[in-house]
């Protein structure tokens, strides 16, 4: 191997390690989002029980508060992921943006369908 090939191999290994670190951090953020989505689902179920008990006014107020909290949490997580992507973004990693955008859209579609199924929307 030439010295240039050795240097290229080292650079490739460094890039690979950096991508693994980024993927690990993104996976941790997605786990956090998953936990929040599970908690939100549990909260929605609790609110559904309030509705079935006939406490409609209280339910709508609590549901609105819960939806606002969820929206704030999702916005915060989105901002954190944006900062992370901007920190590590370069031309070689455009596929990562596409995958994360697809995951985010999938989560939003899931949340929308759940809310629509339960007639909250």
PDB file of N, CA and C in Angstrom:
ATOM      1  N   UNK A   1       0.839  -1.181   0.000  1.00  0.00           N
ATOM      2  CA  UNK A   1       0.000   0.000   0.000  1.00  0.00           C
ATOM      3  C   UNK A   1       0.881   1.240   0.000  1.00  0.00           C
ATOM      4  N   UNK A   2       0.414   2.220  -0.739  1.00  0.00           N
ATOM      5  CA  UNK A   2       1.160   3.483  -0.764  1.00  0.00           C
ATOM      6  C   UNK A   2       0.756   4.312   0.440  1.00  0.00           C
ATOM      7  N   UNK A   3       1.541   5.316   0.694  1.00  0.00           N
ATOM      8  CA  UNK A   3       1.247   6.199   1.833  1.00  0.00           C
ATOM      9  C   UNK A   3      -0.091   6.903   1.627  1.00  0.00           C
ATOM     10  N   UNK A   4      -0.397   7.270   0.394  1.00  0.00           N
ATOM     11  CA  UNK A   4      -1.671   7.920   0.079  1.00  0.00           C
ATOM     12  C   UNK A   4      -2.845   6.989   0.373  1.00  0.00           C
ATOM     13  N   UNK A   5      -2.702   5.717   0.021  1.00  0.00           N
ATOM     14  CA  UNK A   5      -3.763   4.750   0.285  1.00  0.00           C
ATOM     15  C   UNK A   5      -3.948   4.552   1.777  1.00  0.00           C
ATOM     16  N   UNK A   6      -2.854   4.508   2.524  1.00  0.00           N
ATOM     17  CA  UNK A   6      -2.934   4.362   3.980  1.00  0.00           C
ATOM     18  C   UNK A   6      -3.642   5.571   4.579  1.00  0.00           C
ATOM     19  N   UNK A   7      -3.288   6.769   4.120  1.00  0.00           N
ATOM     20  CA  UNK A   7      -3.945   7.980   4.622  1.00  0.00           C
ATOM     21  C   UNK A   7      -5.432   7.984   4.276  1.00  0.00           C
ATOM     22  N   UNK A   8      -5.760   7.557   3.067  1.00  0.00           N
ATOM     23  CA  UNK A   8      -7.169   7.478   2.674  1.00  0.00           C
ATOM     24  C   UNK A   8      -7.921   6.482   3.539  1.00  0.00           C
ATOM     25  N   UNK A   9      -7.314   5.360   3.846  1.00  0.00           N
ATOM     26  CA  UNK A   9      -7.939   4.352   4.694  1.00  0.00           C
ATOM     27  C   UNK A   9      -8.171   4.887   6.095  1.00  0.00           C
ATOM     28  N   UNK A  10      -7.187   5.611   6.644  1.00  0.00           N
ATOM     29  CA  UNK A  10      -7.349   6.206   7.977  1.00  0.00           C
ATOM     30  C   UNK A  10      -8.475   7.235   7.979  1.00  0.00           C
ATOM     31  N   UNK A  11      -8.537   8.050   6.927  1.00  0.00           N
ATOM     32  CA  UNK A  11      -9.589   9.058   6.839  1.00  0.00           C
ATOM     33  C   UNK A  11     -10.960   8.383   6.739  1.00  0.00           C
ATOM     34  N   UNK A  12     -11.031   7.302   5.980  1.00  0.00           N
ATOM     35  CA  UNK A  12     -12.282   6.564   5.859  1.00  0.00           C
ATOM     36  C   UNK A  12     -12.705   5.999   7.214  1.00  0.00           C
ATOM     37  N   UNK A  13     -11.773   5.443   7.962  1.00  0.00           N
ATOM     38  CA  UNK A  13     -12.087   4.885   9.277  1.00  0.00           C
ATOM     39  C   UNK A  13     -12.534   5.978  10.243  1.00  0.00           C
ATOM     40  N   UNK A  14     -11.911   7.146  10.185  1.00  0.00           N
ATOM     41  CA  UNK A  14     -12.311   8.265  11.041  1.00  0.00           C
ATOM     42  C   UNK A  14     -13.729   8.723  10.687  1.00  0.00           C
ATOM     43  N   UNK A  15     -14.004   8.816   9.388  1.00  0.00           N
ATOM     44  CA  UNK A  15     -15.354   9.199   8.951  1.00  0.00           C
ATOM     45  C   UNK A  15     -16.380   8.167   9.389  1.00  0.00           C
ATOM     46  N   UNK A  16     -16.021   6.898   9.302  1.00  0.00           N
ATOM     47  CA  UNK A  16     -16.921   5.828   9.714  1.00  0.00           C
ATOM     48  C   UNK A  16     -17.223   5.932  11.212  1.00  0.00           C
ATOM     49  N   UNK A  17     -16.216   6.191  12.004  1.00  0.00           N
ATOM     50  CA  UNK A  17     -16.402   6.336  13.458  1.00  0.00           C
ATOM     51  C   UNK A  17     -17.309   7.534  13.754  1.00  0.00           C
ATOM     52  N   UNK A  18     -17.079   8.635  13.046  1.00  0.00           N
ATOM     53  CA  UNK A  18     -17.905   9.830  13.260  1.00  0.00           C
ATOM     54  C   UNK A  18     -19.362   9.542  12.901  1.00  0.00           C
ATOM     55  N   UNK A  19     -19.594   8.829  11.795  1.00  0.00           N
ATOM     56  CA  UNK A  19     -20.954   8.466  11.411  1.00  0.00           C
ATOM     57  C   UNK A  19     -21.609   7.559  12.451  1.00  0.00           C
ATOM     58  N   UNK A  20     -20.835   6.636  13.002  1.00  0.00           N
ATOM     59  CA  UNK A  20     -21.376   5.767  14.049  1.00  0.00           C
ATOM     60  C   UNK A  20     -21.774   6.575  15.275  1.00  0.00           C
ATOM     61  N   UNK A  21     -20.952   7.549  15.653  1.00  0.00           N
ATOM     62  CA  UNK A  21     -21.274   8.411  16.795  1.00  0.00           C
ATOM     63  C   UNK A  21     -22.551   9.202  16.538  1.00  0.00           C
ATOM     64  N   UNK A  22     -22.668   9.731  15.339  1.00  0.00           N
ATOM     65  CA  UNK A  22     -23.865  10.502  14.989  1.00  0.00           C
ATOM     66  C   UNK A  22     -25.094   9.602  15.024  1.00  0.00           C
ATOM     67  N   UNK A  23     -24.974   8.417  14.447  1.00  0.00           N
ATOM     68  CA  UNK A  23     -26.099   7.482  14.416  1.00  0.00           C
ATOM     69  C   UNK A  23     -26.512   7.085  15.838  1.00  0.00           C
ATOM     70  N   UNK A  24     -25.542   6.893  16.718  1.00  0.00           N
ATOM     71  CA  UNK A  24     -25.851   6.558  18.108  1.00  0.00           C
ATOM     72  C   UNK A  24     -26.608   7.693  18.776  1.00  0.00           C
ATOM     73  N   UNK A  25     -26.158   8.921  18.560  1.00  0.00           N
ATOM     74  CA  UNK A  25     -26.829  10.070  19.166  1.00  0.00           C
ATOM     75  C   UNK A  25     -28.250  10.218  18.620  1.00  0.00           C
ATOM     76  N   UNK A  26     -28.414  10.036  17.319  1.00  0.00           N
ATOM     77  CA  UNK A  26     -29.741  10.116  16.710  1.00  0.00           C
ATOM     78  C   UNK A  26     -30.636   9.013  17.272  1.00  0.00           C
ATOM     79  N   UNK A  27     -30.092   7.818  17.424  1.00  0.00           N
ATOM     80  CA  UNK A  27     -30.873   6.705  17.982  1.00  0.00           C
ATOM     81  C   UNK A  27     -31.327   7.027  19.405  1.00  0.00           C
ATOM     82  N   UNK A  28     -30.461   7.656  20.189  1.00  0.00           N
ATOM     83  CA  UNK A  28     -30.838   8.046  21.544  1.00  0.00           C
ATOM     84  C   UNK A  28     -31.967   9.074  21.514  1.00  0.00           C
ATOM     85  N   UNK A  29     -31.881  10.036  20.602  1.00  0.00           N
ATOM     86  CA  UNK A  29     -32.935  11.046  20.478  1.00  0.00           C
ATOM     87  C   UNK A  29     -34.250  10.395  20.048  1.00  0.00           C
ATOM     88  N   UNK A  30     -34.168   9.436  19.135  1.00  0.00           N
ATOM     89  CA  UNK A  30     -35.380   8.745  18.689  1.00  0.00           C
ATOM     90  C   UNK A  30     -35.984   7.907  19.813  1.00  0.00           C
ATOM     91  N   UNK A  31     -35.148   7.289  20.652  1.00  0.00           N
ATOM     92  CA  UNK A  31     -35.657   6.560  21.809  1.00  0.00           C
ATOM     93  C   UNK A  31     -36.392   7.510  22.741  1.00  0.00           C
ATOM     94  N   UNK A  32     -35.829   8.692  22.922  1.00  0.00           N
ATOM     95  CA  UNK A  32     -36.477   9.700  23.757  1.00  0.00           C
ATOM     96  C   UNK A  32     -37.827  10.097  23.172  1.00  0.00           C
ATOM     97  N   UNK A  33     -37.871  10.297  21.862  1.00  0.00           N
ATOM     98  CA  UNK A  33     -39.137  10.628  21.205  1.00  0.00           C
ATOM     99  C   UNK A  33     -40.146   9.494  21.356  1.00  0.00           C
ATOM    100  N   UNK A  34     -39.652   8.254  21.252  1.00  0.00           N
ATOM    101  CA  UNK A  34     -40.539   7.103  21.397  1.00  0.00           C
ATOM    102  C   UNK A  34     -41.150   7.084  22.793  1.00  0.00           C
ATOM    103  N   UNK A  35     -40.314   7.311  23.819  1.00  0.00           N
ATOM    104  CA  UNK A  35     -40.823   7.333  25.189  1.00  0.00           C
ATOM    105  C   UNK A  35     -41.872   8.421  25.365  1.00  0.00           C
ATOM    106  N   UNK A  36     -41.609   9.584  24.789  1.00  0.00           N
ATOM    107  CA  UNK A  36     -42.579  10.680  24.901  1.00  0.00           C
ATOM    108  C   UNK A  36     -43.867  10.345  24.170  1.00  0.00           C
ATOM    109  N   UNK A  37     -43.755   9.674  23.034  1.00  0.00           N
ATOM    110  CA  UNK A  37     -44.953   9.281  22.293  1.00  0.00           C
ATOM    111  C   UNK A  37     -45.767   8.262  23.094  1.00  0.00           C
ATOM    112  N   UNK A  38     -45.078   7.343  23.765  1.00  0.00           N
ATOM    113  CA  UNK A  38     -45.779   6.358  24.604  1.00  0.00           C
ATOM    114  C   UNK A  38     -46.493   7.057  25.753  1.00  0.00           C
ATOM    115  N   UNK A  39     -45.805   8.006  26.385  1.00  0.00           N
ATOM    116  CA  UNK A  39     -46.428   8.766  27.478  1.00  0.00           C
ATOM    117  C   UNK A  39     -47.619   9.566  26.970  1.00  0.00           C
ATOM    118  N   UNK A  40     -47.467  10.138  25.785  1.00  0.00           N
ATOM    119  CA  UNK A  40     -48.569  10.897  25.205  1.00  0.00           C
ATOM    120  C   UNK A  40     -49.752   9.980  24.929  1.00  0.00           C
ATOM    121  N   UNK A  41     -49.481   8.781  24.414  1.00  0.00           N
ATOM    122  CA  UNK A  41     -50.555   7.820  24.176  1.00  0.00           C
ATOM    123  C   UNK A  41     -51.272   7.448  25.463  1.00  0.00           C
ATOM    124  N   UNK A  42     -50.516   7.266  26.536  1.00  0.00           N
ATOM    125  CA  UNK A  42     -51.125   6.950  27.827  1.00  0.00           C
ATOM    126  C   UNK A  42     -51.973   8.124  28.313  1.00  0.00           C
ATOM    127  N   UNK A  43     -51.471   9.326  28.118  1.00  0.00           N
ATOM    128  CA  UNK A  43     -52.224  10.514  28.518  1.00  0.00           C
ATOM    129  C   UNK A  43     -53.512  10.630  27.715  1.00  0.00           C
ATOM    130  N   UNK A  44     -53.430  10.347  26.418  1.00  0.00           N
ATOM    131  CA  UNK A  44     -54.625  10.385  25.571  1.00  0.00           C
ATOM    132  C   UNK A  44     -55.639   9.351  26.043  1.00  0.00           C
ATOM    133  N   UNK A  45     -55.161   8.169  26.414  1.00  0.00           N
ATOM    134  CA  UNK A  45     -56.070   7.128  26.921  1.00  0.00           C
ATOM    135  C   UNK A  45     -56.750   7.597  28.205  1.00  0.00           C
ATOM    136  N   UNK A  46     -55.973   8.226  29.080  1.00  0.00           N
ATOM    137  CA  UNK A  46     -56.560   8.757  30.311  1.00  0.00           C
ATOM    138  C   UNK A  46     -57.601   9.827  30.030  1.00  0.00           C
ATOM    139  N   UNK A  47     -57.305  10.662  29.047  1.00  0.00           N
ATOM    140  CA  UNK A  47     -58.266  11.699  28.681  1.00  0.00           C
ATOM    141  C   UNK A  47     -59.524  11.080  28.075  1.00  0.00           C
ATOM    142  N   UNK A  48     -59.363  10.002  27.350  1.00  0.00           N
ATOM    143  CA  UNK A  48     -60.521   9.306  26.782  1.00  0.00           C
ATOM    144  C   UNK A  48     -61.423   8.776  27.899  1.00  0.00           C
ATOM    145  N   UNK A  49     -60.811   8.272  28.953  1.00  0.00           N
ATOM    146  CA  UNK A  49     -61.601   7.795  30.085  1.00  0.00           C
ATOM    147  C   UNK A  49     -62.373   8.935  30.726  1.00  0.00           C
ATOM    148  N   UNK A  50     -61.767  10.114  30.821  1.00  0.00           N
ATOM    149  CA  UNK A  50     -62.477  11.277  31.356  1.00  0.00           C
ATOM    150  C   UNK A  50     -63.682  11.620  30.485  1.00  0.00           C
ATOM    151  N   UNK A  51     -63.485  11.534  29.194  1.00  0.00           N
ATOM    152  CA  UNK A  51     -64.572  11.859  28.270  1.00  0.00           C
ATOM    153  C   UNK A  51     -65.732  10.890  28.436  1.00  0.00           C
ATOM    154  N   UNK A  52     -65.437   9.611  28.562  1.00  0.00           N
ATOM    155  CA  UNK A  52     -66.506   8.620  28.679  1.00  0.00           C
ATOM    156  C   UNK A  52     -67.258   8.752  30.000  1.00  0.00           C
ATOM    157  N   UNK A  53     -66.646   9.374  30.978  1.00  0.00           N
ATOM    158  CA  UNK A  53     -67.326   9.575  32.259  1.00  0.00           C
ATOM    159  C   UNK A  53     -68.249  10.791  32.228  1.00  0.00           C
ATOM    160  N   UNK A  54     -68.264  11.512  31.114  1.00  0.00           N
ATOM    161  CA  UNK A  54     -69.189  12.627  30.983  1.00  0.00           C
ATOM    162  C   UNK A  54     -68.612  13.961  31.403  1.00  0.00           C
ATOM    163  N   UNK A  55     -67.344  14.015  31.714  1.00  0.00           N
ATOM    164  CA  UNK A  55     -66.722  15.258  32.162  1.00  0.00           C
ATOM    165  C   UNK A  55     -66.129  15.972  30.947  1.00  0.00           C
ATOM    166  N   UNK A  56     -66.961  16.399  30.007  1.00  0.00           N
ATOM    167  CA  UNK A  56     -66.516  16.904  28.719  1.00  0.00           C
ATOM    168  C   UNK A  56     -65.742  18.214  28.819  1.00  0.00           C
ATOM    169  N   UNK A  57     -66.222  19.165  29.553  1.00  0.00           N
ATOM    170  CA  UNK A  57     -65.524  20.453  29.624  1.00  0.00           C
ATOM    171  C   UNK A  57     -64.135  20.301  30.215  1.00  0.00           C
ATOM    172  N   UNK A  58     -64.044  19.560  31.289  1.00  0.00           N
ATOM    173  CA  UNK A  58     -62.746  19.329  31.915  1.00  0.00           C
ATOM    174  C   UNK A  58     -61.831  18.569  30.967  1.00  0.00           C
ATOM    175  N   UNK A  59     -62.385  17.601  30.276  1.00  0.00           N
ATOM    176  CA  UNK A  59     -61.588  16.808  29.346  1.00  0.00           C
ATOM    177  C   UNK A  59     -60.981  17.675  28.253  1.00  0.00           C
ATOM    178  N   UNK A  60     -61.802  18.528  27.639  1.00  0.00           N
ATOM    179  CA  UNK A  60     -61.287  19.351  26.547  1.00  0.00           C
ATOM    180  C   UNK A  60     -60.202  20.294  27.028  1.00  0.00           C
ATOM    181  N   UNK A  61     -60.354  20.835  28.211  1.00  0.00           N
ATOM    182  CA  UNK A  61     -59.323  21.722  28.745  1.00  0.00           C
ATOM    183  C   UNK A  61     -58.022  20.953  28.965  1.00  0.00           C
ATOM    184  N   UNK A  62     -58.107  19.771  29.597  1.00  0.00           N
ATOM    185  CA  UNK A  62     -56.921  18.964  29.870  1.00  0.00           C
ATOM    186  C   UNK A  62     -56.313  18.453  28.562  1.00  0.00           C
ATOM    187  N   UNK A  63     -57.159  18.065  27.608  1.00  0.00           N
ATOM    188  CA  UNK A  63     -56.654  17.586  26.325  1.00  0.00           C
ATOM    189  C   UNK A  63     -55.910  18.697  25.592  1.00  0.00           C
ATOM    190  N   UNK A  64     -56.422  19.900  25.629  1.00  0.00           N
ATOM    191  CA  UNK A  64     -55.740  21.028  24.992  1.00  0.00           C
ATOM    192  C   UNK A  64     -54.403  21.301  25.659  1.00  0.00           C
ATOM    193  N   UNK A  65     -54.387  21.262  26.982  1.00  0.00           N
ATOM    194  CA  UNK A  65     -53.127  21.459  27.711  1.00  0.00           C
ATOM    195  C   UNK A  65     -52.128  20.361  27.338  1.00  0.00           C
ATOM    196  N   UNK A  66     -52.605  19.115  27.286  1.00  0.00           N
ATOM    197  CA  UNK A  66     -51.731  17.989  26.937  1.00  0.00           C
ATOM    198  C   UNK A  66     -51.214  18.132  25.510  1.00  0.00           C
ATOM    199  N   UNK A  67     -52.069  18.537  24.594  1.00  0.00           N
ATOM    200  CA  UNK A  67     -51.652  18.717  23.199  1.00  0.00           C
ATOM    201  C   UNK A  67     -50.614  19.835  23.089  1.00  0.00           C
ATOM    202  N   UNK A  68     -50.811  20.911  23.836  1.00  0.00           N
ATOM    203  CA  UNK A  68     -49.845  22.005  23.814  1.00  0.00           C
ATOM    204  C   UNK A  68     -48.501  21.555  24.379  1.00  0.00           C
ATOM    205  N   UNK A  69     -48.533  20.803  25.475  1.00  0.00           N
ATOM    206  CA  UNK A  69     -47.292  20.272  26.051  1.00  0.00           C
ATOM    207  C   UNK A  69     -46.592  19.346  25.073  1.00  0.00           C
ATOM    208  N   UNK A  70     -47.360  18.497  24.418  1.00  0.00           N
ATOM    209  CA  UNK A  70     -46.786  17.574  23.442  1.00  0.00           C
ATOM    210  C   UNK A  70     -46.175  18.345  22.280  1.00  0.00           C
ATOM    211  N   UNK A  71     -46.871  19.372  21.817  1.00  0.00           N
ATOM    212  CA  UNK A  71     -46.347  20.184  20.721  1.00  0.00           C
ATOM    213  C   UNK A  71     -45.041  20.859  21.130  1.00  0.00           C
ATOM    214  N   UNK A  72     -44.979  21.384  22.355  1.00  0.00           N
ATOM    215  CA  UNK A  72     -43.752  22.013  22.839  1.00  0.00           C
ATOM    216  C   UNK A  72     -42.611  21.003  22.917  1.00  0.00           C
ATOM    217  N   UNK A  73     -42.916  19.802  23.408  1.00  0.00           N
ATOM    218  CA  UNK A  73     -41.885  18.764  23.491  1.00  0.00           C
ATOM    219  C   UNK A  73     -41.388  18.358  22.109  1.00  0.00           C
ATOM    220  N   UNK A  74     -42.292  18.196  21.162  1.00  0.00           N
ATOM    221  CA  UNK A  74     -41.892  17.833  19.812  1.00  0.00           C
ATOM    222  C   UNK A  74     -41.069  18.943  19.161  1.00  0.00           C
ATOM    223  N   UNK A  75     -41.452  20.182  19.399  1.00  0.00           N
ATOM    224  CA  UNK A  75     -40.691  21.314  18.861  1.00  0.00           C
ATOM    225  C   UNK A  75     -39.290  21.344  19.456  1.00  0.00           C
ATOM    226  N   UNK A  76     -39.205  21.111  20.755  1.00  0.00           N
ATOM    227  CA  UNK A  76     -37.898  21.097  21.418  1.00  0.00           C
ATOM    228  C   UNK A  76     -37.021  19.978  20.858  1.00  0.00           C
ATOM    229  N   UNK A  77     -37.578  18.781  20.707  1.00  0.00           N
ATOM    230  CA  UNK A  77     -36.816  17.657  20.164  1.00  0.00           C
ATOM    231  C   UNK A  77     -36.396  17.933  18.718  1.00  0.00           C
ATOM    232  N   UNK A  78     -37.283  18.552  17.957  1.00  0.00           N
ATOM    233  CA  UNK A  78     -36.960  18.884  16.568  1.00  0.00           C
ATOM    234  C   UNK A  78     -35.797  19.876  16.519  1.00  0.00           C
ATOM    235  N   UNK A  79     -35.826  20.864  17.400  1.00  0.00           N
ATOM    236  CA  UNK A  79     -34.730  21.830  17.448  1.00  0.00           C
ATOM    237  C   UNK A  79     -33.412  21.172  17.834  1.00  0.00           C
ATOM    238  N   UNK A  80     -33.462  20.262  18.794  1.00  0.00           N
ATOM    239  CA  UNK A  80     -32.245  19.559  19.204  1.00  0.00           C
ATOM    240  C   UNK A  80     -31.680  18.716  18.059  1.00  0.00           C
ATOM    241  N   UNK A  81     -32.572  18.018  17.350  1.00  0.00           N
ATOM    242  CA  UNK A  81     -32.116  17.214  16.213  1.00  0.00           C
ATOM    243  C   UNK A  81     -31.564  18.105  15.096  1.00  0.00           C
ATOM    244  N   UNK A  82     -32.188  19.266  14.888  1.00  0.00           N
ATOM    245  CA  UNK A  82     -31.689  20.196  13.866  1.00  0.00           C
ATOM    246  C   UNK A  82     -30.298  20.684  14.219  1.00  0.00           C
ATOM    247  N   UNK A  83     -30.083  21.020  15.480  1.00  0.00           N
ATOM    248  CA  UNK A  83     -28.758  21.459  15.912  1.00  0.00           C
ATOM    249  C   UNK A  83     -27.732  20.347  15.705  1.00  0.00           C
ATOM    250  N   UNK A  84     -28.111  19.127  16.036  1.00  0.00           N
ATOM    251  CA  UNK A  84     -27.211  17.994  15.856  1.00  0.00           C
ATOM    252  C   UNK A  84     -26.875  17.794  14.387  1.00  0.00           C
ATOM    253  N   UNK A  85     -27.887  17.858  13.545  1.00  0.00           N
ATOM    254  CA  UNK A  85     -27.646  17.677  12.107  1.00  0.00           C
ATOM    255  C   UNK A  85     -26.784  18.806  11.542  1.00  0.00           C
ATOM    256  N   UNK A  86     -27.045  20.017  11.961  1.00  0.00           N
ATOM    257  CA  UNK A  86     -26.240  21.135  11.467  1.00  0.00           C
ATOM    258  C   UNK A  86     -24.792  21.019  11.919  1.00  0.00           C
ATOM    259  N   UNK A  87     -24.583  20.457  13.085  1.00  0.00           N
ATOM    260  CA  UNK A  87     -23.232  20.298  13.607  1.00  0.00           C
ATOM    261  C   UNK A  87     -22.430  19.303  12.766  1.00  0.00           C
ATOM    262  N   UNK A  88     -23.071  18.239  12.333  1.00  0.00           N
ATOM    263  CA  UNK A  88     -22.360  17.172  11.636  1.00  0.00           C
ATOM    264  C   UNK A  88     -22.642  17.113  10.135  1.00  0.00           C
ATOM    265  N   UNK A  89     -23.424  18.038   9.610  1.00  0.00           N
ATOM    266  CA  UNK A  89     -23.837  17.966   8.208  1.00  0.00           C
ATOM    267  C   UNK A  89     -22.675  18.275   7.266  1.00  0.00           C
ATOM    268  N   UNK A  90     -22.576  17.495   6.221  1.00  0.00           N
ATOM    269  CA  UNK A  90     -21.707  17.784   5.087  1.00  0.00           C
ATOM    270  C   UNK A  90     -22.320  17.125   3.863  1.00  0.00           C
ATOM    271  N   UNK A  91     -21.723  17.307   2.701  1.00  0.00           N
ATOM    272  CA  UNK A  91     -22.298  16.811   1.462  1.00  0.00           C
ATOM    273  C   UNK A  91     -22.447  15.308   1.413  1.00  0.00           C
ATOM    274  N   UNK A  92     -21.625  14.579   2.143  1.00  0.00           N
ATOM    275  CA  UNK A  92     -21.662  13.123   2.102  1.00  0.00           C
ATOM    276  C   UNK A  92     -22.808  12.538   2.925  1.00  0.00           C
ATOM    277  N   UNK A  93     -23.420  13.349   3.763  1.00  0.00           N
ATOM    278  CA  UNK A  93     -24.394  12.805   4.707  1.00  0.00           C
ATOM    279  C   UNK A  93     -25.822  13.262   4.422  1.00  0.00           C
ATOM    280  N   UNK A  94     -26.131  13.608   3.202  1.00  0.00           N
ATOM    281  CA  UNK A  94     -27.477  14.052   2.851  1.00  0.00           C
ATOM    282  C   UNK A  94     -28.499  12.940   3.063  1.00  0.00           C
ATOM    283  N   UNK A  95     -28.050  11.690   2.927  1.00  0.00           N
ATOM    284  CA  UNK A  95     -28.953  10.561   3.137  1.00  0.00           C
ATOM    285  C   UNK A  95     -29.466  10.520   4.571  1.00  0.00           C
ATOM    286  N   UNK A  96     -28.650  10.975   5.521  1.00  0.00           N
ATOM    287  CA  UNK A  96     -29.070  10.998   6.923  1.00  0.00           C
ATOM    288  C   UNK A  96     -30.238  11.964   7.100  1.00  0.00           C
ATOM    289  N   UNK A  97     -30.183  13.110   6.448  1.00  0.00           N
ATOM    290  CA  UNK A  97     -31.290  14.066   6.501  1.00  0.00           C
ATOM    291  C   UNK A  97     -32.569  13.432   5.966  1.00  0.00           C
ATOM    292  N   UNK A  98     -32.454  12.726   4.870  1.00  0.00           N
ATOM    293  CA  UNK A  98     -33.619  12.096   4.259  1.00  0.00           C
ATOM    294  C   UNK A  98     -34.232  11.051   5.183  1.00  0.00           C
ATOM    295  N   UNK A  99     -33.410  10.230   5.790  1.00  0.00           N
ATOM    296  CA  UNK A  99     -33.909   9.184   6.696  1.00  0.00           C
ATOM    297  C   UNK A  99     -34.585   9.812   7.915  1.00  0.00           C
ATOM    298  N   UNK A 100     -33.947  10.815   8.506  1.00  0.00           N
ATOM    299  CA  UNK A 100     -34.533  11.447   9.690  1.00  0.00           C
ATOM    300  C   UNK A 100     -35.834  12.171   9.351  1.00  0.00           C
ATOM    301  N   UNK A 101     -35.880  12.811   8.216  1.00  0.00           N
ATOM    302  CA  UNK A 101     -37.109  13.465   7.794  1.00  0.00           C
ATOM    303  C   UNK A 101     -38.218  12.439   7.595  1.00  0.00           C
ATOM    304  N   UNK A 102     -37.880  11.300   7.010  1.00  0.00           N
ATOM    305  CA  UNK A 102     -38.868  10.236   6.808  1.00  0.00           C
ATOM    306  C   UNK A 102     -39.382   9.720   8.155  1.00  0.00           C
ATOM    307  N   UNK A 103     -38.494   9.546   9.103  1.00  0.00           N
ATOM    308  CA  UNK A 103     -38.893   9.073  10.439  1.00  0.00           C
ATOM    309  C   UNK A 103     -39.796  10.102  11.103  1.00  0.00           C
ATOM    310  N   UNK A 104     -39.422  11.379  11.038  1.00  0.00           N
ATOM    311  CA  UNK A 104     -40.226  12.436  11.649  1.00  0.00           C
ATOM    312  C   UNK A 104     -41.609  12.490  11.016  1.00  0.00           C
ATOM    313  N   UNK A 105     -41.679  12.419   9.699  1.00  0.00           N
ATOM    314  CA  UNK A 105     -42.978  12.441   9.035  1.00  0.00           C
ATOM    315  C   UNK A 105     -43.813  11.218   9.428  1.00  0.00           C
ATOM    316  N   UNK A 106     -43.164  10.076   9.568  1.00  0.00           N
ATOM    317  CA  UNK A 106     -43.877   8.876   9.996  1.00  0.00           C
ATOM    318  C   UNK A 106     -44.449   9.018  11.393  1.00  0.00           C
ATOM    319  N   UNK A 107     -43.661   9.591  12.310  1.00  0.00           N
ATOM    320  CA  UNK A 107     -44.143   9.806  13.674  1.00  0.00           C
ATOM    321  C   UNK A 107     -45.304  10.791  13.711  1.00  0.00           C
ATOM    322  N   UNK A 108     -45.197  11.853  12.929  1.00  0.00           N
ATOM    323  CA  UNK A 108     -46.282  12.828  12.885  1.00  0.00           C
ATOM    324  C   UNK A 108     -47.543  12.212  12.279  1.00  0.00           C
ATOM    325  N   UNK A 109     -47.389  11.384  11.254  1.00  0.00           N
ATOM    326  CA  UNK A 109     -48.542  10.715  10.658  1.00  0.00           C
ATOM    327  C   UNK A 109     -49.179   9.757  11.657  1.00  0.00           C
ATOM    328  N   UNK A 110     -48.361   9.050  12.409  1.00  0.00           N
ATOM    329  CA  UNK A 110     -48.875   8.136  13.433  1.00  0.00           C
ATOM    330  C   UNK A 110     -49.654   8.900  14.493  1.00  0.00           C
ATOM    331  N   UNK A 111     -49.096  10.004  14.971  1.00  0.00           N
ATOM    332  CA  UNK A 111     -49.775  10.819  15.979  1.00  0.00           C
ATOM    333  C   UNK A 111     -51.086  11.361  15.422  1.00  0.00           C
ATOM    334  N   UNK A 112     -51.071  11.842  14.187  1.00  0.00           N
ATOM    335  CA  UNK A 112     -52.279  12.376  13.559  1.00  0.00           C
ATOM    336  C   UNK A 112     -53.349  11.291  13.446  1.00  0.00           C
ATOM    337  N   UNK A 113     -52.960  10.092  13.005  1.00  0.00           N
ATOM    338  CA  UNK A 113     -53.927   9.000  12.869  1.00  0.00           C
ATOM    339  C   UNK A 113     -54.506   8.598  14.214  1.00  0.00           C
ATOM    340  N   UNK A 114     -53.680   8.572  15.236  1.00  0.00           N
ATOM    341  CA  UNK A 114     -54.185   8.225  16.573  1.00  0.00           C
ATOM    342  C   UNK A 114     -55.204   9.256  17.044  1.00  0.00           C
ATOM    343  N   UNK A 115     -54.862  10.537  16.858  1.00  0.00           N
ATOM    344  CA  UNK A 115     -55.785  11.586  17.279  1.00  0.00           C
ATOM    345  C   UNK A 115     -57.068  11.540  16.458  1.00  0.00           C
ATOM    346  N   UNK A 116     -56.951  11.281  15.169  1.00  0.00           N
ATOM    347  CA  UNK A 116     -58.110  11.215  14.292  1.00  0.00           C
ATOM    348  C   UNK A 116     -58.965  10.006  14.639  1.00  0.00           C
ATOM    349  N   UNK A 117     -58.328   8.869  14.933  1.00  0.00           N
ATOM    350  CA  UNK A 117     -59.043   7.634  15.274  1.00  0.00           C
ATOM    351  C   UNK A 117     -59.860   7.827  16.542  1.00  0.00           C
ATOM    352  N   UNK A 118     -59.317   8.571  17.468  1.00  0.00           N
ATOM    353  CA  UNK A 118     -60.010   8.789  18.746  1.00  0.00           C
ATOM    354  C   UNK A 118     -60.920  10.023  18.695  1.00  0.00           C
ATOM    355  N   UNK A 119     -61.087  10.574  17.520  1.00  0.00           N
ATOM    356  CA  UNK A 119     -61.954  11.733  17.296  1.00  0.00           C
ATOM    357  C   UNK A 119     -61.550  12.948  18.109  1.00  0.00           C
ATOM    358  N   UNK A 120     -60.278  13.169  18.278  1.00  0.00           N
ATOM    359  CA  UNK A 120     -59.790  14.370  18.956  1.00  0.00           C
ATOM    360  C   UNK A 120     -59.580  15.494  17.960  1.00  0.00           C
ATOM    361  N   UNK A 121     -59.471  15.133  16.710  1.00  0.00           N
ATOM    362  CA  UNK A 121     -59.219  16.147  15.680  1.00  0.00           C
ATOM    363  C   UNK A 121     -60.452  16.335  14.830  1.00  0.00           C
TER     364      UNK A 121
END
